[in-house]
């Protein structure tokens, strides 16, 4: 296996989906408590960001996949705000490129394995832990959302580096989701 690699990311159009009632959409405490793809429960917090509005829309659609209703059936005032986030340009653990994935032991087919099944969080969490221990700001990765294409990406910002991100705006669901 090759050594883990980094990739330069930051700047550009990043965003976070936030429930309207969240007073601080950049807070990582819930992620620390519950865990997610790159962090085990109770380990450290992670701020999960999308690259571009298209990716944010895909995340909403992914959450609703398999439900007997669509986004148009939901109360817009209870749906996710889109929070614009400025990210300092830094070197992140590379889980975007084939070489980067090989370096952390993930298949080139990530976010799915060779059989088409989603790579489980339990496989990704040790990779996040190692990057955290290495002092990296987080993980630049391919998204697992349905409909994601090559070139789509996410950033998982570790709580030790939330000082490297800044909220730029916050837009209500009806004012961003339907906007082409």
N, C-alpha and C. Protein backbone atom coordinates (compact mmCIF):
# COMPACT_ATOMS: atom_id res chain seq x y z
N UNK A 1 0.85 -1.18 0.00
CA UNK A 1 0.00 0.00 0.00
C UNK A 1 0.89 1.24 0.00
N UNK A 2 0.50 2.23 -0.77
CA UNK A 2 1.22 3.51 -0.83
C UNK A 2 1.00 4.29 0.46
N UNK A 3 1.83 5.29 0.69
CA UNK A 3 1.68 6.14 1.87
C UNK A 3 0.50 7.09 1.68
N UNK A 4 -0.17 7.48 2.77
CA UNK A 4 -1.26 8.46 2.65
C UNK A 4 -0.76 9.75 2.02
N UNK A 5 -1.62 10.36 1.21
CA UNK A 5 -1.27 11.59 0.51
C UNK A 5 -2.15 12.73 0.99
N UNK A 6 -1.72 13.95 0.67
CA UNK A 6 -2.54 15.13 0.93
C UNK A 6 -2.86 15.79 -0.41
N UNK A 7 -3.87 16.64 -0.37
CA UNK A 7 -4.29 17.39 -1.55
C UNK A 7 -4.67 18.79 -1.10
N UNK A 8 -4.29 19.78 -1.88
CA UNK A 8 -4.55 21.18 -1.55
C UNK A 8 -6.00 21.51 -1.86
N UNK A 9 -6.71 22.01 -0.88
CA UNK A 9 -8.11 22.41 -1.03
C UNK A 9 -8.37 23.64 -0.17
N UNK A 10 -9.47 24.31 -0.47
CA UNK A 10 -9.89 25.50 0.25
C UNK A 10 -10.27 26.56 -0.74
N UNK A 11 -10.71 27.70 -0.22
CA UNK A 11 -11.22 28.72 -1.10
C UNK A 11 -12.46 28.19 -1.80
N UNK A 12 -12.96 28.87 -2.78
CA UNK A 12 -14.07 28.34 -3.56
C UNK A 12 -15.39 28.32 -2.84
N UNK A 13 -16.33 27.60 -3.41
CA UNK A 13 -17.73 27.59 -2.99
C UNK A 13 -18.03 26.36 -2.13
N UNK A 14 -17.86 26.50 -0.81
CA UNK A 14 -18.22 25.42 0.11
C UNK A 14 -19.46 25.84 0.87
N UNK A 15 -20.21 24.86 1.33
CA UNK A 15 -21.41 25.15 2.10
C UNK A 15 -21.73 24.01 3.05
N UNK A 16 -22.64 24.32 3.93
CA UNK A 16 -23.11 23.34 4.91
C UNK A 16 -24.62 23.43 4.97
N UNK A 17 -25.26 22.30 5.09
CA UNK A 17 -26.70 22.27 5.31
C UNK A 17 -26.93 22.38 6.81
N UNK A 18 -27.85 23.26 7.20
CA UNK A 18 -28.13 23.48 8.61
C UNK A 18 -29.63 23.59 8.83
N UNK A 19 -30.11 22.95 9.87
CA UNK A 19 -31.52 23.09 10.21
C UNK A 19 -31.76 24.53 10.66
N UNK A 20 -32.93 25.08 10.34
CA UNK A 20 -33.20 26.48 10.65
C UNK A 20 -33.01 26.85 12.12
N UNK A 21 -33.26 25.92 13.03
CA UNK A 21 -33.15 26.21 14.47
C UNK A 21 -31.72 26.20 15.00
N UNK A 22 -30.76 25.75 14.20
CA UNK A 22 -29.38 25.70 14.69
C UNK A 22 -28.83 27.11 14.83
N UNK A 23 -28.45 27.51 16.05
CA UNK A 23 -27.91 28.86 16.22
C UNK A 23 -26.49 29.00 15.66
N UNK A 24 -25.72 27.93 15.69
CA UNK A 24 -24.34 27.96 15.17
C UNK A 24 -24.15 26.80 14.20
N UNK A 25 -24.35 27.04 12.90
CA UNK A 25 -24.26 25.95 11.94
C UNK A 25 -22.86 25.37 11.76
N UNK A 26 -21.84 26.00 12.35
CA UNK A 26 -20.48 25.46 12.25
C UNK A 26 -20.07 24.70 13.51
N UNK A 27 -21.02 24.48 14.40
CA UNK A 27 -20.77 23.72 15.63
C UNK A 27 -20.56 22.24 15.31
N UNK A 28 -19.51 21.64 15.87
CA UNK A 28 -19.20 20.23 15.61
C UNK A 28 -19.60 19.31 16.77
N UNK A 29 -20.26 19.84 17.80
CA UNK A 29 -20.51 19.03 19.00
C UNK A 29 -21.44 17.84 18.72
N UNK A 30 -22.46 18.01 17.88
CA UNK A 30 -23.35 16.88 17.58
C UNK A 30 -22.57 15.78 16.86
N UNK A 31 -21.74 16.17 15.92
CA UNK A 31 -20.93 15.18 15.20
C UNK A 31 -20.00 14.44 16.16
N UNK A 32 -19.44 15.15 17.11
CA UNK A 32 -18.55 14.51 18.09
C UNK A 32 -19.33 13.48 18.91
N UNK A 33 -20.52 13.83 19.30
CA UNK A 33 -21.35 12.94 20.11
C UNK A 33 -21.79 11.70 19.33
N UNK A 34 -22.30 11.91 18.12
CA UNK A 34 -22.90 10.79 17.38
C UNK A 34 -21.96 10.10 16.40
N UNK A 35 -20.89 10.79 15.98
CA UNK A 35 -20.00 10.22 14.98
C UNK A 35 -20.62 10.28 13.60
N UNK A 36 -19.80 10.03 12.60
CA UNK A 36 -20.27 10.01 11.21
C UNK A 36 -19.20 9.28 10.38
N UNK A 37 -19.14 9.56 9.10
CA UNK A 37 -18.25 8.81 8.22
C UNK A 37 -16.79 8.84 8.66
N UNK A 38 -16.26 10.01 9.02
CA UNK A 38 -14.82 10.13 9.29
C UNK A 38 -14.48 10.24 10.77
N UNK A 39 -15.46 10.17 11.66
CA UNK A 39 -15.19 10.25 13.10
C UNK A 39 -16.10 9.30 13.88
N UNK A 40 -15.47 8.54 14.76
CA UNK A 40 -16.22 7.63 15.61
C UNK A 40 -16.95 8.42 16.70
N UNK A 41 -18.08 7.92 17.20
CA UNK A 41 -18.79 8.61 18.27
C UNK A 41 -17.86 8.88 19.46
N UNK A 42 -17.91 10.11 19.97
CA UNK A 42 -17.13 10.48 21.15
C UNK A 42 -15.67 10.80 20.91
N UNK A 43 -15.20 10.71 19.67
CA UNK A 43 -13.77 10.90 19.40
C UNK A 43 -13.41 12.37 19.21
N UNK A 44 -13.89 13.00 18.19
CA UNK A 44 -13.65 14.41 17.88
C UNK A 44 -14.77 14.86 16.96
N UNK A 45 -14.97 16.15 16.87
CA UNK A 45 -16.03 16.68 16.03
C UNK A 45 -15.56 16.91 14.61
N UNK A 46 -16.49 16.84 13.67
CA UNK A 46 -16.20 17.09 12.26
C UNK A 46 -17.31 17.96 11.69
N UNK A 47 -16.91 18.96 10.94
CA UNK A 47 -17.82 19.82 10.22
C UNK A 47 -17.83 19.33 8.77
N UNK A 48 -18.97 18.83 8.32
CA UNK A 48 -19.08 18.27 6.98
C UNK A 48 -19.56 19.33 6.01
N UNK A 49 -18.76 19.61 4.96
CA UNK A 49 -19.05 20.64 3.98
C UNK A 49 -19.20 20.05 2.58
N UNK A 50 -20.05 20.68 1.80
CA UNK A 50 -20.25 20.33 0.38
C UNK A 50 -19.49 21.33 -0.48
N UNK A 51 -19.04 20.89 -1.62
CA UNK A 51 -18.44 21.79 -2.60
C UNK A 51 -19.52 22.15 -3.61
N UNK A 52 -20.05 23.36 -3.54
CA UNK A 52 -21.04 23.85 -4.49
C UNK A 52 -22.48 23.52 -4.13
N UNK A 53 -23.38 24.31 -4.70
CA UNK A 53 -24.82 24.14 -4.44
C UNK A 53 -25.35 22.83 -5.01
N UNK A 54 -24.83 22.42 -6.14
CA UNK A 54 -25.28 21.16 -6.73
C UNK A 54 -25.10 20.02 -5.73
N UNK A 55 -23.96 19.99 -5.06
CA UNK A 55 -23.69 18.94 -4.08
C UNK A 55 -24.65 19.04 -2.90
N UNK A 56 -24.98 20.25 -2.47
CA UNK A 56 -25.94 20.43 -1.38
C UNK A 56 -27.32 19.88 -1.78
N UNK A 57 -27.73 20.16 -3.02
CA UNK A 57 -29.02 19.62 -3.50
C UNK A 57 -29.00 18.09 -3.51
N UNK A 58 -27.89 17.54 -3.96
CA UNK A 58 -27.77 16.07 -3.97
C UNK A 58 -27.88 15.49 -2.56
N UNK A 59 -27.32 16.19 -1.58
CA UNK A 59 -27.41 15.71 -0.19
C UNK A 59 -28.87 15.68 0.28
N UNK A 60 -29.62 16.73 -0.05
CA UNK A 60 -31.05 16.76 0.31
C UNK A 60 -31.78 15.60 -0.36
N UNK A 61 -31.56 15.43 -1.65
CA UNK A 61 -32.22 14.36 -2.40
C UNK A 61 -31.82 12.98 -1.86
N UNK A 62 -30.55 12.83 -1.48
CA UNK A 62 -30.05 11.57 -0.92
C UNK A 62 -30.78 11.24 0.39
N UNK A 63 -30.98 12.25 1.23
CA UNK A 63 -31.68 12.03 2.51
C UNK A 63 -33.12 11.58 2.29
N UNK A 64 -33.72 12.01 1.20
CA UNK A 64 -35.13 11.68 0.93
C UNK A 64 -35.31 10.43 0.08
N UNK A 65 -34.22 9.86 -0.41
CA UNK A 65 -34.32 8.67 -1.27
C UNK A 65 -35.08 7.56 -0.55
N UNK A 66 -36.02 6.97 -1.25
CA UNK A 66 -36.79 5.86 -0.70
C UNK A 66 -37.99 6.28 0.12
N UNK A 67 -38.16 7.57 0.36
CA UNK A 67 -39.32 8.04 1.12
C UNK A 67 -40.54 8.13 0.20
N UNK A 68 -41.74 8.03 0.76
CA UNK A 68 -42.95 8.10 -0.07
C UNK A 68 -43.34 9.53 -0.45
N UNK A 69 -42.45 10.47 -0.21
CA UNK A 69 -42.72 11.88 -0.52
C UNK A 69 -41.44 12.49 -1.08
N UNK A 70 -41.59 13.62 -1.72
CA UNK A 70 -40.45 14.32 -2.29
C UNK A 70 -40.23 15.65 -1.61
N UNK A 71 -39.18 16.33 -1.99
CA UNK A 71 -38.83 17.60 -1.38
C UNK A 71 -39.95 18.62 -1.54
N UNK A 72 -40.69 18.55 -2.64
CA UNK A 72 -41.77 19.50 -2.88
C UNK A 72 -42.94 19.31 -1.92
N UNK A 73 -43.00 18.16 -1.24
CA UNK A 73 -44.09 17.87 -0.30
C UNK A 73 -43.79 18.34 1.12
N UNK A 74 -42.59 18.82 1.37
CA UNK A 74 -42.17 19.19 2.71
C UNK A 74 -42.35 20.67 2.99
N UNK A 75 -42.51 21.02 4.26
CA UNK A 75 -42.63 22.42 4.67
C UNK A 75 -41.26 23.08 4.54
N UNK A 76 -41.15 24.02 3.64
CA UNK A 76 -39.86 24.67 3.35
C UNK A 76 -39.26 25.33 4.59
N UNK A 77 -40.09 25.81 5.51
CA UNK A 77 -39.58 26.49 6.70
C UNK A 77 -38.91 25.52 7.67
N UNK A 78 -39.09 24.23 7.48
CA UNK A 78 -38.45 23.23 8.33
C UNK A 78 -37.28 22.55 7.63
N UNK A 79 -36.99 22.98 6.41
CA UNK A 79 -35.91 22.36 5.63
C UNK A 79 -34.59 23.09 5.85
N UNK A 80 -33.53 22.48 5.38
CA UNK A 80 -32.18 22.97 5.62
C UNK A 80 -31.88 24.31 4.96
N UNK A 81 -31.31 25.19 5.77
CA UNK A 81 -30.71 26.41 5.24
C UNK A 81 -29.41 26.02 4.57
N UNK A 82 -28.96 26.85 3.65
CA UNK A 82 -27.66 26.67 3.02
C UNK A 82 -26.73 27.73 3.61
N UNK A 83 -25.68 27.27 4.28
CA UNK A 83 -24.73 28.16 4.93
C UNK A 83 -23.47 28.22 4.07
N UNK A 84 -23.16 29.41 3.58
CA UNK A 84 -21.93 29.60 2.82
C UNK A 84 -20.74 29.56 3.78
N UNK A 85 -19.67 28.87 3.37
CA UNK A 85 -18.50 28.72 4.22
C UNK A 85 -17.24 29.00 3.42
N UNK A 86 -16.43 29.88 3.95
CA UNK A 86 -15.11 30.16 3.37
C UNK A 86 -14.09 29.29 4.09
N UNK A 87 -13.25 28.62 3.33
CA UNK A 87 -12.27 27.68 3.89
C UNK A 87 -10.87 28.15 3.50
N UNK A 88 -9.98 28.22 4.49
CA UNK A 88 -8.58 28.57 4.22
C UNK A 88 -7.97 27.46 3.36
N UNK A 89 -7.17 27.83 2.39
CA UNK A 89 -6.51 26.84 1.53
C UNK A 89 -5.42 26.13 2.33
N UNK A 90 -5.57 24.80 2.45
CA UNK A 90 -4.65 23.97 3.23
C UNK A 90 -4.48 22.61 2.55
N UNK A 91 -3.59 21.79 3.10
CA UNK A 91 -3.40 20.42 2.63
C UNK A 91 -4.25 19.48 3.47
N UNK A 92 -5.12 18.72 2.80
CA UNK A 92 -6.09 17.81 3.43
C UNK A 92 -5.71 16.38 3.10
N UNK A 93 -6.14 15.42 3.92
CA UNK A 93 -5.95 14.00 3.58
C UNK A 93 -6.72 13.76 2.29
N UNK A 94 -6.07 13.17 1.33
CA UNK A 94 -6.63 12.95 0.00
C UNK A 94 -7.44 11.66 -0.06
N UNK A 95 -8.75 11.82 -0.10
CA UNK A 95 -9.66 10.70 -0.36
C UNK A 95 -10.52 11.04 -1.58
N UNK A 96 -9.86 11.77 -2.51
CA UNK A 96 -10.49 12.15 -3.78
C UNK A 96 -9.89 11.41 -4.96
N UNK A 97 -8.56 11.36 -5.02
CA UNK A 97 -7.89 10.77 -6.17
C UNK A 97 -7.66 9.28 -5.96
N UNK A 98 -7.43 8.57 -7.05
CA UNK A 98 -7.15 7.14 -6.94
C UNK A 98 -5.89 6.88 -6.09
N UNK A 99 -4.84 7.69 -6.29
CA UNK A 99 -3.62 7.53 -5.50
C UNK A 99 -3.87 7.81 -4.02
N UNK A 100 -4.64 8.85 -3.74
CA UNK A 100 -4.97 9.17 -2.36
C UNK A 100 -5.76 8.07 -1.69
N UNK A 101 -6.73 7.53 -2.41
CA UNK A 101 -7.53 6.42 -1.86
C UNK A 101 -6.67 5.20 -1.61
N UNK A 102 -5.78 4.89 -2.55
CA UNK A 102 -4.88 3.75 -2.35
C UNK A 102 -4.01 3.95 -1.11
N UNK A 103 -3.56 5.18 -0.90
CA UNK A 103 -2.68 5.48 0.23
C UNK A 103 -3.34 5.27 1.59
N UNK A 104 -4.67 5.34 1.64
CA UNK A 104 -5.37 5.10 2.91
C UNK A 104 -6.06 3.75 2.94
N UNK A 105 -5.88 2.96 1.89
CA UNK A 105 -6.44 1.62 1.87
C UNK A 105 -7.88 1.54 1.41
N UNK A 106 -8.38 2.58 0.74
CA UNK A 106 -9.74 2.54 0.21
C UNK A 106 -9.69 2.17 -1.27
N UNK A 107 -10.75 1.53 -1.77
CA UNK A 107 -10.75 1.14 -3.19
C UNK A 107 -10.89 2.35 -4.11
N UNK A 108 -10.39 2.23 -5.32
CA UNK A 108 -10.51 3.29 -6.32
C UNK A 108 -11.98 3.54 -6.68
N UNK A 109 -12.86 2.63 -6.32
CA UNK A 109 -14.29 2.77 -6.59
C UNK A 109 -15.01 3.56 -5.48
N UNK A 110 -14.27 3.96 -4.44
CA UNK A 110 -14.87 4.69 -3.32
C UNK A 110 -15.74 5.83 -3.84
N UNK A 111 -16.93 6.00 -3.29
CA UNK A 111 -17.44 5.59 -2.00
C UNK A 111 -18.11 4.22 -1.93
N UNK A 112 -18.04 3.46 -3.01
CA UNK A 112 -18.54 2.09 -2.98
C UNK A 112 -17.37 1.13 -3.15
N UNK A 113 -17.60 -0.12 -2.75
CA UNK A 113 -16.55 -1.13 -2.92
C UNK A 113 -16.71 -1.80 -4.29
N UNK A 114 -15.91 -2.79 -4.56
CA UNK A 114 -15.91 -3.46 -5.87
C UNK A 114 -17.25 -4.13 -6.19
N UNK A 115 -18.04 -4.45 -5.16
CA UNK A 115 -19.34 -5.08 -5.39
C UNK A 115 -20.47 -4.07 -5.50
N UNK A 116 -20.14 -2.77 -5.34
CA UNK A 116 -21.16 -1.72 -5.45
C UNK A 116 -21.80 -1.33 -4.14
N UNK A 117 -21.35 -1.93 -3.04
CA UNK A 117 -21.89 -1.57 -1.73
C UNK A 117 -21.13 -0.38 -1.17
N UNK A 118 -21.85 0.50 -0.46
CA UNK A 118 -21.20 1.67 0.14
C UNK A 118 -20.14 1.22 1.15
N UNK A 119 -18.97 1.84 1.07
CA UNK A 119 -17.91 1.55 2.04
C UNK A 119 -18.43 1.99 3.41
N UNK A 120 -18.42 1.12 4.41
CA UNK A 120 -19.01 1.46 5.71
C UNK A 120 -18.20 2.50 6.49
N UNK A 121 -18.92 3.22 7.33
CA UNK A 121 -18.29 4.22 8.19
C UNK A 121 -17.18 3.60 9.03
N UNK A 122 -17.37 2.36 9.46
CA UNK A 122 -16.36 1.70 10.31
C UNK A 122 -15.02 1.54 9.59
N UNK A 123 -15.04 1.54 8.27
CA UNK A 123 -13.80 1.50 7.49
C UNK A 123 -13.17 2.89 7.39
N UNK A 124 -13.99 3.91 7.29
CA UNK A 124 -13.51 5.29 7.11
C UNK A 124 -13.06 5.94 8.42
N UNK A 125 -13.68 5.59 9.53
CA UNK A 125 -13.38 6.26 10.80
C UNK A 125 -11.92 6.13 11.23
N UNK A 126 -11.26 4.99 11.09
CA UNK A 126 -9.83 4.93 11.44
C UNK A 126 -8.96 5.82 10.54
N UNK A 127 -9.38 6.01 9.30
CA UNK A 127 -8.66 6.90 8.39
C UNK A 127 -8.77 8.34 8.88
N UNK A 128 -9.97 8.72 9.30
CA UNK A 128 -10.17 10.04 9.89
C UNK A 128 -9.36 10.21 11.16
N UNK A 129 -9.35 9.20 12.01
CA UNK A 129 -8.59 9.26 13.26
C UNK A 129 -7.10 9.45 12.98
N UNK A 130 -6.57 8.72 12.02
CA UNK A 130 -5.14 8.84 11.68
C UNK A 130 -4.82 10.24 11.14
N UNK A 131 -5.69 10.79 10.30
CA UNK A 131 -5.47 12.15 9.77
C UNK A 131 -5.55 13.18 10.89
N UNK A 132 -6.45 12.95 11.84
CA UNK A 132 -6.59 13.85 12.99
C UNK A 132 -5.32 13.83 13.83
N UNK A 133 -4.82 12.63 14.11
CA UNK A 133 -3.59 12.48 14.89
C UNK A 133 -2.40 13.10 14.15
N UNK A 134 -2.41 13.03 12.82
CA UNK A 134 -1.34 13.63 12.00
C UNK A 134 -1.40 15.16 11.97
N UNK A 135 -2.44 15.75 12.56
CA UNK A 135 -2.56 17.20 12.62
C UNK A 135 -3.13 17.84 11.37
N UNK A 136 -3.69 17.03 10.47
CA UNK A 136 -4.28 17.59 9.25
C UNK A 136 -5.60 18.29 9.58
N UNK A 137 -6.03 19.23 8.73
CA UNK A 137 -7.28 19.93 8.99
C UNK A 137 -8.51 19.07 8.75
N UNK A 138 -8.37 17.98 7.99
CA UNK A 138 -9.50 17.12 7.71
C UNK A 138 -9.29 16.28 6.47
N UNK A 139 -10.40 15.86 5.89
CA UNK A 139 -10.42 14.94 4.75
C UNK A 139 -11.10 15.62 3.57
N UNK A 140 -10.46 15.59 2.41
CA UNK A 140 -11.10 15.96 1.15
C UNK A 140 -11.53 14.66 0.51
N UNK A 141 -12.84 14.51 0.26
CA UNK A 141 -13.32 13.19 -0.16
C UNK A 141 -14.39 13.27 -1.23
N UNK A 142 -14.57 12.10 -1.86
CA UNK A 142 -15.67 11.91 -2.79
C UNK A 142 -16.95 11.76 -1.97
N UNK A 143 -18.04 12.34 -2.41
CA UNK A 143 -19.30 12.22 -1.68
C UNK A 143 -19.98 10.88 -1.91
N UNK A 144 -20.72 10.44 -0.89
CA UNK A 144 -21.47 9.19 -0.99
C UNK A 144 -22.92 9.44 -1.42
N UNK A 145 -23.31 10.69 -1.61
CA UNK A 145 -24.69 11.01 -1.98
C UNK A 145 -25.04 10.43 -3.35
N UNK A 146 -26.23 9.92 -3.46
CA UNK A 146 -26.74 9.42 -4.73
C UNK A 146 -26.69 10.53 -5.78
N UNK A 147 -26.18 10.21 -6.94
CA UNK A 147 -26.12 11.18 -8.02
C UNK A 147 -24.81 11.94 -8.10
N UNK A 148 -23.92 11.75 -7.11
CA UNK A 148 -22.63 12.43 -7.16
C UNK A 148 -21.84 11.92 -8.36
N UNK A 149 -21.08 12.81 -8.95
CA UNK A 149 -20.31 12.50 -10.15
C UNK A 149 -18.82 12.74 -9.90
N UNK A 150 -17.97 12.22 -10.77
CA UNK A 150 -16.55 12.55 -10.65
C UNK A 150 -16.39 14.08 -10.67
N UNK A 151 -15.58 14.56 -9.79
CA UNK A 151 -15.39 16.00 -9.67
C UNK A 151 -16.18 16.60 -8.52
N UNK A 152 -17.24 15.92 -8.06
CA UNK A 152 -17.96 16.38 -6.87
C UNK A 152 -17.10 16.07 -5.65
N UNK A 153 -17.22 16.89 -4.63
CA UNK A 153 -16.42 16.62 -3.44
C UNK A 153 -17.01 17.25 -2.20
N UNK A 154 -16.49 16.75 -1.09
CA UNK A 154 -16.83 17.25 0.24
C UNK A 154 -15.54 17.49 1.01
N UNK A 155 -15.65 18.32 2.03
CA UNK A 155 -14.57 18.48 3.00
C UNK A 155 -15.11 18.11 4.36
N UNK A 156 -14.36 17.31 5.09
CA UNK A 156 -14.67 17.00 6.48
C UNK A 156 -13.63 17.74 7.31
N UNK A 157 -14.06 18.84 7.96
CA UNK A 157 -13.16 19.70 8.71
C UNK A 157 -13.14 19.25 10.17
N UNK A 158 -11.96 18.91 10.68
CA UNK A 158 -11.84 18.48 12.07
C UNK A 158 -12.04 19.66 13.02
N UNK A 159 -12.56 19.37 14.22
CA UNK A 159 -12.81 20.43 15.20
C UNK A 159 -11.54 21.18 15.59
N UNK A 160 -10.38 20.57 15.41
CA UNK A 160 -9.11 21.23 15.72
C UNK A 160 -8.78 22.31 14.69
N UNK A 161 -9.56 22.38 13.61
CA UNK A 161 -9.29 23.35 12.53
C UNK A 161 -10.52 24.16 12.14
N UNK A 162 -11.52 24.22 13.00
CA UNK A 162 -12.69 25.03 12.65
C UNK A 162 -12.34 26.52 12.62
N UNK A 163 -11.21 26.89 13.20
CA UNK A 163 -10.76 28.29 13.09
C UNK A 163 -10.33 28.62 11.65
N UNK A 164 -10.21 27.61 10.80
CA UNK A 164 -9.82 27.81 9.40
C UNK A 164 -11.03 27.95 8.48
N UNK A 165 -12.23 27.99 9.05
CA UNK A 165 -13.44 28.18 8.26
C UNK A 165 -14.23 29.36 8.84
N UNK A 166 -15.00 29.98 7.97
CA UNK A 166 -15.79 31.14 8.39
C UNK A 166 -17.11 31.14 7.64
N UNK A 167 -18.19 31.35 8.38
CA UNK A 167 -19.50 31.45 7.76
C UNK A 167 -19.59 32.77 7.00
N UNK A 168 -20.06 32.71 5.75
CA UNK A 168 -20.19 33.92 4.95
C UNK A 168 -21.64 34.37 4.77
N UNK A 169 -22.58 33.42 4.79
CA UNK A 169 -24.00 33.77 4.67
C UNK A 169 -24.85 32.59 5.10
N UNK A 170 -26.14 32.82 5.12
CA UNK A 170 -27.09 31.76 5.45
C UNK A 170 -28.37 32.05 4.66
N UNK A 171 -28.79 31.08 3.85
CA UNK A 171 -29.91 31.28 2.95
C UNK A 171 -31.00 30.25 3.27
N UNK A 172 -32.23 30.71 3.41
CA UNK A 172 -33.36 29.82 3.69
C UNK A 172 -33.58 28.86 2.53
N UNK A 173 -34.12 27.69 2.85
CA UNK A 173 -34.31 26.60 1.88
C UNK A 173 -34.96 27.07 0.58
N UNK A 174 -36.12 27.73 0.66
CA UNK A 174 -36.84 28.15 -0.54
C UNK A 174 -36.02 29.12 -1.40
N UNK A 175 -35.07 29.79 -0.78
CA UNK A 175 -34.28 30.78 -1.52
C UNK A 175 -33.01 30.18 -2.13
N UNK A 176 -32.71 28.92 -1.85
CA UNK A 176 -31.52 28.31 -2.48
C UNK A 176 -31.82 27.02 -3.22
N UNK A 177 -32.69 26.17 -2.69
CA UNK A 177 -32.86 24.84 -3.28
C UNK A 177 -33.44 24.92 -4.69
N UNK A 178 -34.40 25.76 -4.91
CA UNK A 178 -35.08 25.84 -6.20
C UNK A 178 -34.35 26.73 -7.18
N UNK A 179 -33.38 27.48 -6.70
CA UNK A 179 -32.60 28.37 -7.56
C UNK A 179 -31.67 27.54 -8.43
N UNK A 180 -31.75 27.72 -9.73
CA UNK A 180 -30.89 26.95 -10.62
C UNK A 180 -29.51 27.54 -10.63
